[in-house]
């Protein structure tokens, strides 16, 4: 797996660690991931609202840029 290779891990050590993990460890990992998802989701909604207040339209910028690239 490419992602594991980036962090210097091999698949067998990760599999071994996951089989030896305690159920409470897995619960804490899931809770941490859940909290990060809530934090990132809330932050993205707040940033989107702030951009809207300052009239920054990312979709319009991307659409116009792609239109200029497509039309030459």
N, C-alpha and C. Protein backbone atom coordinates (compact mmCIF):
# COMPACT_ATOMS: atom_id res chain seq x y z
N UNK A 1 0.85 -1.18 0.00
CA UNK A 1 0.00 0.00 0.00
C UNK A 1 0.89 1.23 0.00
N UNK A 2 0.58 2.15 -0.88
CA UNK A 2 1.43 3.32 -1.06
C UNK A 2 1.39 4.22 0.16
N UNK A 3 0.23 4.41 0.75
CA UNK A 3 0.11 5.30 1.90
C UNK A 3 0.92 4.79 3.08
N UNK A 4 0.90 3.50 3.31
CA UNK A 4 1.69 2.94 4.40
C UNK A 4 3.18 3.07 4.11
N UNK A 5 3.57 2.95 2.84
CA UNK A 5 4.97 3.10 2.49
C UNK A 5 5.47 4.51 2.74
N UNK A 6 4.60 5.49 2.59
CA UNK A 6 5.00 6.87 2.84
C UNK A 6 5.36 7.10 4.30
N UNK A 7 4.71 6.38 5.21
CA UNK A 7 4.96 6.55 6.63
C UNK A 7 5.94 5.52 7.18
N UNK A 8 6.56 4.73 6.31
CA UNK A 8 7.56 3.77 6.74
C UNK A 8 6.97 2.55 7.43
N UNK A 9 5.76 2.19 7.12
CA UNK A 9 5.12 1.02 7.71
C UNK A 9 4.95 -0.04 6.64
N UNK A 10 4.98 -1.28 7.06
CA UNK A 10 4.65 -2.34 6.12
C UNK A 10 3.32 -2.97 6.52
N UNK A 11 2.73 -3.65 5.58
CA UNK A 11 1.37 -4.15 5.76
C UNK A 11 1.28 -5.20 6.86
N UNK A 12 2.31 -6.02 7.01
CA UNK A 12 2.26 -7.07 8.02
C UNK A 12 2.32 -6.50 9.44
N UNK A 13 3.10 -5.45 9.66
CA UNK A 13 3.16 -4.86 11.01
C UNK A 13 1.86 -4.16 11.36
N UNK A 14 1.24 -3.51 10.37
CA UNK A 14 -0.05 -2.86 10.64
C UNK A 14 -1.11 -3.90 10.94
N UNK A 15 -1.12 -5.00 10.20
CA UNK A 15 -2.08 -6.07 10.45
C UNK A 15 -1.88 -6.67 11.83
N UNK A 16 -0.62 -6.89 12.21
CA UNK A 16 -0.33 -7.44 13.53
C UNK A 16 -0.79 -6.48 14.62
N UNK A 17 -0.51 -5.18 14.44
CA UNK A 17 -0.92 -4.20 15.44
C UNK A 17 -2.44 -4.13 15.57
N UNK A 18 -3.14 -4.25 14.46
CA UNK A 18 -4.60 -4.19 14.51
C UNK A 18 -5.20 -5.42 15.18
N UNK A 19 -4.56 -6.58 15.02
CA UNK A 19 -5.08 -7.78 15.68
C UNK A 19 -4.79 -7.75 17.17
N UNK A 20 -3.75 -7.06 17.58
CA UNK A 20 -3.39 -6.99 18.99
C UNK A 20 -4.04 -5.81 19.69
N UNK A 21 -4.68 -4.92 18.95
CA UNK A 21 -5.27 -3.73 19.54
C UNK A 21 -6.44 -4.10 20.45
N UNK A 22 -6.52 -3.41 21.52
CA UNK A 22 -7.61 -3.60 22.47
C UNK A 22 -8.85 -2.89 21.94
N UNK A 23 -10.02 -3.38 22.29
CA UNK A 23 -11.25 -2.77 21.77
C UNK A 23 -11.39 -1.33 22.24
N UNK A 24 -10.87 -1.00 23.42
CA UNK A 24 -10.92 0.38 23.89
C UNK A 24 -10.05 1.28 23.02
N UNK A 25 -8.92 0.75 22.53
CA UNK A 25 -8.06 1.52 21.63
C UNK A 25 -8.80 1.87 20.35
N UNK A 26 -9.51 0.88 19.81
CA UNK A 26 -10.28 1.11 18.59
C UNK A 26 -11.39 2.13 18.86
N UNK A 27 -12.03 2.04 20.01
CA UNK A 27 -13.08 3.00 20.36
C UNK A 27 -12.51 4.41 20.42
N UNK A 28 -11.34 4.57 21.02
CA UNK A 28 -10.74 5.90 21.10
C UNK A 28 -10.32 6.41 19.73
N UNK A 29 -9.84 5.52 18.87
CA UNK A 29 -9.51 5.94 17.51
C UNK A 29 -10.74 6.41 16.75
N UNK A 30 -11.84 5.67 16.91
CA UNK A 30 -13.08 6.07 16.24
C UNK A 30 -13.61 7.38 16.80
N UNK A 31 -13.52 7.56 18.13
CA UNK A 31 -13.99 8.80 18.74
C UNK A 31 -13.15 9.98 18.27
N UNK A 32 -11.84 9.78 18.17
CA UNK A 32 -10.97 10.85 17.71
C UNK A 32 -11.27 11.22 16.25
N UNK A 33 -11.48 10.21 15.41
CA UNK A 33 -11.83 10.47 14.01
C UNK A 33 -13.17 11.19 13.92
N UNK A 34 -14.13 10.78 14.75
CA UNK A 34 -15.45 11.42 14.75
C UNK A 34 -15.35 12.89 15.15
N UNK A 35 -14.55 13.18 16.16
CA UNK A 35 -14.39 14.56 16.61
C UNK A 35 -13.67 15.41 15.55
N UNK A 36 -12.67 14.83 14.88
CA UNK A 36 -12.00 15.57 13.82
C UNK A 36 -12.95 15.85 12.66
N UNK A 37 -13.81 14.90 12.34
CA UNK A 37 -14.80 15.12 11.27
C UNK A 37 -15.75 16.25 11.63
N UNK A 38 -16.21 16.28 12.87
CA UNK A 38 -17.10 17.36 13.31
C UNK A 38 -16.37 18.69 13.26
N UNK A 39 -15.11 18.73 13.73
CA UNK A 39 -14.34 19.97 13.75
C UNK A 39 -14.08 20.48 12.34
N UNK A 40 -13.67 19.60 11.44
CA UNK A 40 -13.38 20.01 10.07
C UNK A 40 -14.66 20.44 9.35
N UNK A 41 -15.74 19.71 9.58
CA UNK A 41 -17.01 20.09 8.95
C UNK A 41 -17.51 21.44 9.42
N UNK A 42 -17.44 21.69 10.72
CA UNK A 42 -17.86 22.98 11.26
C UNK A 42 -16.96 24.10 10.75
N UNK A 43 -15.66 23.87 10.73
CA UNK A 43 -14.73 24.89 10.25
C UNK A 43 -14.97 25.21 8.78
N UNK A 44 -15.22 24.19 7.96
CA UNK A 44 -15.46 24.45 6.54
C UNK A 44 -16.76 25.22 6.32
N UNK A 45 -17.78 24.92 7.12
CA UNK A 45 -19.02 25.69 6.98
C UNK A 45 -18.82 27.14 7.41
N UNK A 46 -18.07 27.36 8.48
CA UNK A 46 -17.80 28.73 8.92
C UNK A 46 -16.96 29.50 7.89
N UNK A 47 -15.95 28.84 7.35
CA UNK A 47 -15.12 29.49 6.33
C UNK A 47 -15.96 29.80 5.09
N UNK A 48 -16.84 28.89 4.72
CA UNK A 48 -17.73 29.14 3.58
C UNK A 48 -18.65 30.32 3.81
N UNK A 49 -19.17 30.44 5.03
CA UNK A 49 -20.03 31.59 5.33
C UNK A 49 -19.24 32.89 5.33
N UNK A 50 -18.03 32.86 5.85
CA UNK A 50 -17.20 34.06 5.85
C UNK A 50 -16.84 34.47 4.44
N UNK A 51 -16.52 33.51 3.57
CA UNK A 51 -16.24 33.82 2.17
C UNK A 51 -17.47 34.43 1.49
N UNK A 52 -18.65 33.92 1.83
CA UNK A 52 -19.86 34.48 1.25
C UNK A 52 -20.10 35.92 1.68
N UNK A 53 -19.76 36.26 2.90
CA UNK A 53 -19.91 37.64 3.39
C UNK A 53 -19.00 38.57 2.60
N UNK A 54 -17.79 38.12 2.30
CA UNK A 54 -16.84 38.95 1.56
C UNK A 54 -16.97 38.78 0.05
N UNK A 55 -18.03 38.13 -0.40
CA UNK A 55 -18.36 37.94 -1.81
C UNK A 55 -17.26 37.19 -2.57
N UNK A 56 -16.73 36.16 -1.95
CA UNK A 56 -15.74 35.30 -2.59
C UNK A 56 -16.47 34.04 -3.02
N UNK A 57 -16.47 33.77 -4.31
CA UNK A 57 -17.20 32.65 -4.88
C UNK A 57 -16.21 31.69 -5.53
N UNK A 58 -15.82 30.63 -4.79
CA UNK A 58 -14.83 29.69 -5.30
C UNK A 58 -15.35 28.93 -6.51
N UNK A 59 -16.61 28.55 -6.51
CA UNK A 59 -17.16 27.81 -7.64
C UNK A 59 -17.18 28.68 -8.89
N UNK A 60 -17.51 29.96 -8.73
CA UNK A 60 -17.49 30.88 -9.87
C UNK A 60 -16.09 31.08 -10.40
N UNK A 61 -15.12 31.18 -9.52
CA UNK A 61 -13.73 31.35 -9.94
C UNK A 61 -13.26 30.14 -10.74
N UNK A 62 -13.55 28.94 -10.21
CA UNK A 62 -13.14 27.72 -10.91
C UNK A 62 -13.87 27.60 -12.25
N UNK A 63 -15.16 27.89 -12.26
CA UNK A 63 -15.94 27.78 -13.50
C UNK A 63 -15.43 28.75 -14.56
N UNK A 64 -15.14 30.00 -14.17
CA UNK A 64 -14.61 30.98 -15.12
C UNK A 64 -13.23 30.59 -15.62
N UNK A 65 -12.39 30.07 -14.72
CA UNK A 65 -11.05 29.65 -15.13
C UNK A 65 -11.12 28.50 -16.12
N UNK A 66 -11.96 27.51 -15.82
CA UNK A 66 -12.11 26.40 -16.76
C UNK A 66 -12.69 26.87 -18.09
N UNK A 67 -13.60 27.83 -18.04
CA UNK A 67 -14.16 28.37 -19.28
C UNK A 67 -13.11 29.08 -20.10
N UNK A 68 -12.22 29.84 -19.45
CA UNK A 68 -11.15 30.53 -20.18
C UNK A 68 -10.15 29.53 -20.75
N UNK A 69 -9.86 28.47 -20.01
CA UNK A 69 -8.93 27.45 -20.51
C UNK A 69 -9.56 26.70 -21.69
N UNK A 70 -10.85 26.37 -21.56
CA UNK A 70 -11.54 25.61 -22.61
C UNK A 70 -11.67 26.41 -23.90
N UNK A 71 -12.01 27.71 -23.77
CA UNK A 71 -12.21 28.55 -24.95
C UNK A 71 -10.90 29.12 -25.51
N UNK A 72 -9.84 28.98 -24.78
CA UNK A 72 -8.53 29.42 -25.28
C UNK A 72 -8.30 30.80 -25.00
